[in-house]
């Protein structure tokens, strides 16, 4: 099933809609620099705290900053007792980052009187090159780990590589190599793998891009923004 990444400017519509069951990821650190305001934070926190966890509903995750700049700790403190179903850890460097987040989530769950281990982790790779160079397995690093997310735009920005665009320019060697590493690490850890798409990809390109991602070994995509949201709502979703 596709996931959908939303920046603060898109939150109001997402908080009110159904969106055909597509899991939502609220982004605390959008790559366009549009950081959430205090009002955005309060709206998201109120939404998370008001959700009834005893009934079936659309999964909600929050994308937080990575550990190199200490954003992860700050973001978890911002969420307080309003824990989502899962955390997308951006800028993941290695298994140690996943283990550190596991410990922090355990503390947050205890403080919120939630079952320990309830909050899942998705690890996003791309912004930190060492993720792709590490020889160490991610298997058994955390029982919370539910998948890896490959962010090609973040890797291109970190390395100066030219980003690939559907129907315009195929992926270069660096991005193809990194995609393969992400898929192989996920397979070894026995977790799903997703490819994050830029919001600039046109809605009518989502299906062919998704098809290409599946052929590259990914289980599905992470789409971005309100235009993608509208497009996803009409899709037949994979289980």
Protein backbone atom coordinates (compact mmCIF):
# COMPACT_ATOMS: atom_id res chain seq x y z
CA UNK A 1 0.00 0.00 0.00
CA UNK A 2 1.34 3.49 -0.82
CA UNK A 3 2.08 5.91 2.00
CA UNK A 4 1.55 9.66 1.77
CA UNK A 5 3.97 12.30 3.11
CA UNK A 6 2.39 15.64 3.97
CA UNK A 7 3.98 18.99 4.82
CA UNK A 8 2.40 21.36 7.37
CA UNK A 9 0.65 23.41 4.68
CA UNK A 10 -1.29 20.28 3.67
CA UNK A 11 -2.28 19.21 7.18
CA UNK A 12 -5.75 20.82 7.51
CA UNK A 13 -7.25 18.84 4.61
CA UNK A 14 -5.57 15.63 5.74
CA UNK A 15 -6.84 15.92 9.31
CA UNK A 16 -10.43 16.01 8.06
CA UNK A 17 -10.45 13.51 5.18
CA UNK A 18 -10.62 9.76 4.77
CA UNK A 19 -8.27 9.40 1.77
CA UNK A 20 -9.19 5.80 0.94
CA UNK A 21 -7.21 4.38 3.84
CA UNK A 22 -3.82 5.62 2.63
CA UNK A 23 -1.45 5.81 5.65
CA UNK A 24 -0.46 9.42 6.32
CA UNK A 25 2.97 10.71 7.35
CA UNK A 26 3.04 14.22 8.81
CA UNK A 27 6.39 15.85 8.04
CA UNK A 28 7.94 17.95 10.81
CA UNK A 29 10.92 18.85 8.58
CA UNK A 30 9.79 19.37 4.95
CA UNK A 31 12.65 19.62 2.51
CA UNK A 32 11.24 22.89 1.14
CA UNK A 33 12.02 24.49 4.51
CA UNK A 34 8.36 25.13 5.36
CA UNK A 35 8.73 24.19 9.02
CA UNK A 36 5.51 23.77 11.02
CA UNK A 37 4.38 26.71 13.10
CA UNK A 38 3.42 26.38 16.77
CA UNK A 39 -0.21 26.38 15.60
CA UNK A 40 0.56 23.49 13.24
CA UNK A 41 2.18 21.57 16.09
CA UNK A 42 -0.83 22.12 18.35
CA UNK A 43 -3.29 21.04 15.64
CA UNK A 44 -1.37 17.85 14.96
CA UNK A 45 -0.95 17.08 18.66
CA UNK A 46 -4.68 17.58 19.29
CA UNK A 47 -5.47 15.29 16.36
CA UNK A 48 -3.15 12.55 17.64
CA UNK A 49 -4.43 12.77 21.20
CA UNK A 50 -8.08 12.61 20.09
CA UNK A 51 -7.73 9.45 18.01
CA UNK A 52 -9.40 6.31 19.29
CA UNK A 53 -6.78 3.56 19.16
CA UNK A 54 -9.33 0.86 19.94
CA UNK A 55 -10.99 0.96 16.50
CA UNK A 56 -9.67 0.24 13.02
CA UNK A 57 -8.55 3.42 11.27
CA UNK A 58 -6.01 4.86 8.89
CA UNK A 59 -2.44 4.61 10.25
CA UNK A 60 -0.78 7.93 11.04
CA UNK A 61 2.99 8.44 11.27
CA UNK A 62 5.21 11.46 11.89
CA UNK A 63 8.49 12.17 10.09
CA UNK A 64 11.09 13.51 12.52
CA UNK A 65 14.62 14.83 12.19
CA UNK A 66 17.67 12.61 12.43
CA UNK A 67 20.19 12.26 15.23
CA UNK A 68 23.17 14.13 13.73
CA UNK A 69 21.52 17.50 14.48
CA UNK A 70 19.58 16.37 17.59
CA UNK A 71 16.23 17.05 15.92
CA UNK A 72 14.94 13.58 16.81
CA UNK A 73 14.94 14.22 20.55
CA UNK A 74 13.37 17.67 20.09
CA UNK A 75 10.64 16.35 17.82
CA UNK A 76 9.69 13.54 20.18
CA UNK A 77 9.47 16.06 23.01
CA UNK A 78 7.16 18.17 20.83
CA UNK A 79 4.82 15.21 20.33
CA UNK A 80 4.64 14.63 24.07
CA UNK A 81 1.85 12.17 24.88
CA UNK A 82 0.40 12.44 21.37
CA UNK A 83 2.29 9.48 19.98
CA UNK A 84 1.40 8.41 16.43
CA UNK A 85 1.25 4.84 15.16
CA UNK A 86 4.78 5.15 13.85
CA UNK A 87 7.83 7.35 13.39
CA UNK A 88 9.67 7.92 10.10
CA UNK A 89 13.27 8.65 11.10
CA UNK A 90 14.85 10.86 8.44
CA UNK A 91 18.59 10.85 7.82
CA UNK A 92 19.12 7.39 9.30
CA UNK A 93 22.83 6.55 9.38
CA UNK A 94 22.91 3.00 10.72
CA UNK A 95 21.37 0.47 13.06
CA UNK A 96 22.56 2.43 16.09
CA UNK A 97 20.22 5.29 15.15
CA UNK A 98 17.32 2.84 14.99
CA UNK A 99 18.23 1.40 18.39
CA UNK A 100 18.51 4.86 19.92
CA UNK A 101 15.06 5.80 18.62
CA UNK A 102 13.71 2.52 19.99
CA UNK A 103 14.91 3.47 23.48
CA UNK A 104 13.50 7.01 23.23
CA UNK A 105 10.13 5.68 22.10
CA UNK A 106 10.05 3.28 25.03
CA UNK A 107 10.52 6.22 27.40
CA UNK A 108 7.82 8.23 25.58
CA UNK A 109 5.38 5.30 25.66
CA UNK A 110 5.91 4.80 29.37
CA UNK A 111 5.32 8.50 30.02
CA UNK A 112 2.13 8.42 27.92
CA UNK A 113 0.94 5.19 29.58
CA UNK A 114 1.00 3.40 26.22
CA UNK A 115 2.03 -0.25 25.70
CA UNK A 116 5.79 -0.52 25.27
CA UNK A 117 6.65 -1.36 21.68
CA UNK A 118 3.38 -0.03 20.25
CA UNK A 119 5.00 2.71 18.13
CA UNK A 120 6.65 1.43 14.96
CA UNK A 121 9.74 2.76 13.16
CA UNK A 122 10.39 3.40 9.48
CA UNK A 123 14.02 4.31 8.74
CA UNK A 124 14.62 6.77 5.90
CA UNK A 125 17.92 6.52 4.05
CA UNK A 126 19.37 9.08 1.65
CA UNK A 127 20.63 12.16 3.47
CA UNK A 128 23.52 10.29 5.13
CA UNK A 129 25.91 8.47 2.78
CA UNK A 130 27.26 6.22 5.53
CA UNK A 131 23.99 4.26 5.54
CA UNK A 132 24.88 2.83 2.13
CA UNK A 133 28.53 2.18 3.00
CA UNK A 134 27.96 0.37 6.29
CA UNK A 135 28.61 -3.39 6.15
CA UNK A 136 26.44 -4.02 9.21
CA UNK A 137 23.03 -5.66 9.02
CA UNK A 138 19.85 -3.99 10.27
CA UNK A 139 18.36 -7.35 11.20
CA UNK A 140 17.29 -7.62 14.85
CA UNK A 141 18.28 -4.03 15.62
CA UNK A 142 14.76 -3.28 16.81
CA UNK A 143 11.48 -5.18 16.91
CA UNK A 144 9.82 -1.86 16.07
CA UNK A 145 11.42 -1.61 12.63
CA UNK A 146 8.68 -1.92 10.03
CA UNK A 147 10.45 -0.80 6.88
CA UNK A 148 13.07 1.26 5.05
CA UNK A 149 12.32 4.33 2.93
CA UNK A 150 14.70 5.39 0.16
CA UNK A 151 14.85 9.17 -0.44
CA UNK A 152 16.56 9.75 -3.79
CA UNK A 153 16.22 13.54 -3.58
CA UNK A 154 17.99 13.63 -0.21
CA UNK A 155 20.83 11.48 -1.54
CA UNK A 156 21.18 13.65 -4.64
CA UNK A 157 21.32 16.74 -2.44
CA UNK A 158 23.92 15.19 -0.14
CA UNK A 159 26.22 13.99 -2.92
CA UNK A 160 25.67 16.42 -5.79
CA UNK A 161 24.34 13.64 -8.00
CA UNK A 162 21.81 14.59 -10.65
CA UNK A 163 18.32 13.50 -9.56
CA UNK A 164 16.43 11.24 -11.91
CA UNK A 165 13.11 12.28 -13.37
CA UNK A 166 10.48 10.01 -14.90
CA UNK A 167 10.29 10.18 -18.70
CA UNK A 168 13.16 12.68 -18.83
CA UNK A 169 16.40 11.30 -17.39
CA UNK A 170 17.08 7.75 -16.15
CA UNK A 171 18.79 7.12 -12.84
CA UNK A 172 22.57 7.46 -12.76
CA UNK A 173 24.89 4.88 -11.29
CA UNK A 174 24.95 6.37 -7.79
CA UNK A 175 21.18 6.40 -7.35
CA UNK A 176 20.82 2.93 -8.88
CA UNK A 177 23.49 1.61 -6.50
CA UNK A 178 21.82 3.24 -3.49
CA UNK A 179 18.40 1.89 -4.43
CA UNK A 180 19.85 -1.61 -4.62
CA UNK A 181 21.55 -1.24 -1.22
CA UNK A 182 18.31 -0.09 0.39
CA UNK A 183 16.37 -3.01 -1.07
CA UNK A 184 19.03 -5.54 -0.05
CA UNK A 185 19.27 -4.20 3.51
CA UNK A 186 15.48 -4.37 3.84
CA UNK A 187 15.37 -7.92 2.49
CA UNK A 188 18.10 -8.97 4.94
CA UNK A 189 16.20 -7.36 7.82
CA UNK A 190 12.94 -8.90 6.55
CA UNK A 191 11.05 -5.60 6.45
CA UNK A 192 9.20 -3.81 3.61
CA UNK A 193 10.96 -1.15 1.53
CA UNK A 194 9.49 2.02 0.05
CA UNK A 195 10.68 4.68 -2.36
CA UNK A 196 9.89 8.31 -1.49
CA UNK A 197 8.80 10.44 -4.43
CA UNK A 198 9.25 14.19 -4.79
CA UNK A 199 6.14 16.36 -4.68
CA UNK A 200 7.18 17.77 -8.07
CA UNK A 201 6.26 14.50 -9.80
CA UNK A 202 2.99 15.06 -11.67
CA UNK A 203 -0.02 13.04 -10.51
CA UNK A 204 -0.33 11.36 -13.92
CA UNK A 205 3.25 10.10 -13.53
CA UNK A 206 2.63 8.39 -10.19
CA UNK A 207 1.49 5.10 -11.67
CA UNK A 208 4.43 4.62 -14.09
CA UNK A 209 6.89 5.73 -11.41
CA UNK A 210 5.30 3.34 -8.95
CA UNK A 211 5.59 0.55 -11.52
CA UNK A 212 9.29 1.33 -11.95
CA UNK A 213 9.80 1.26 -8.17
CA UNK A 214 8.14 -2.14 -7.92
CA UNK A 215 10.41 -3.44 -10.69
CA UNK A 216 13.42 -2.15 -8.73
CA UNK A 217 12.44 -4.30 -5.76
CA UNK A 218 10.46 -1.82 -3.65
CA UNK A 219 7.15 -2.85 -2.11
CA UNK A 220 5.52 0.52 -2.77
CA UNK A 221 6.01 4.28 -2.84
CA UNK A 222 5.77 7.21 -0.45
CA UNK A 223 3.95 9.90 -2.40
CA UNK A 224 4.01 13.59 -1.42
CA UNK A 225 1.58 16.47 -1.24
CA UNK A 226 -2.11 17.23 -1.88
CA UNK A 227 -2.01 16.55 -5.63
CA UNK A 228 -0.66 13.07 -4.97
CA UNK A 229 -3.28 12.64 -2.25
CA UNK A 230 -6.07 13.23 -4.76
CA UNK A 231 -4.49 10.83 -7.24
CA UNK A 232 -3.99 8.08 -4.66
CA UNK A 233 -7.62 8.28 -3.55
CA UNK A 234 -8.70 6.78 -6.86
CA UNK A 235 -6.20 3.92 -6.92
CA UNK A 236 -6.85 0.26 -6.24
CA UNK A 237 -4.51 -0.27 -3.29
CA UNK A 238 -2.25 -3.29 -2.91
CA UNK A 239 -2.62 -5.14 0.40
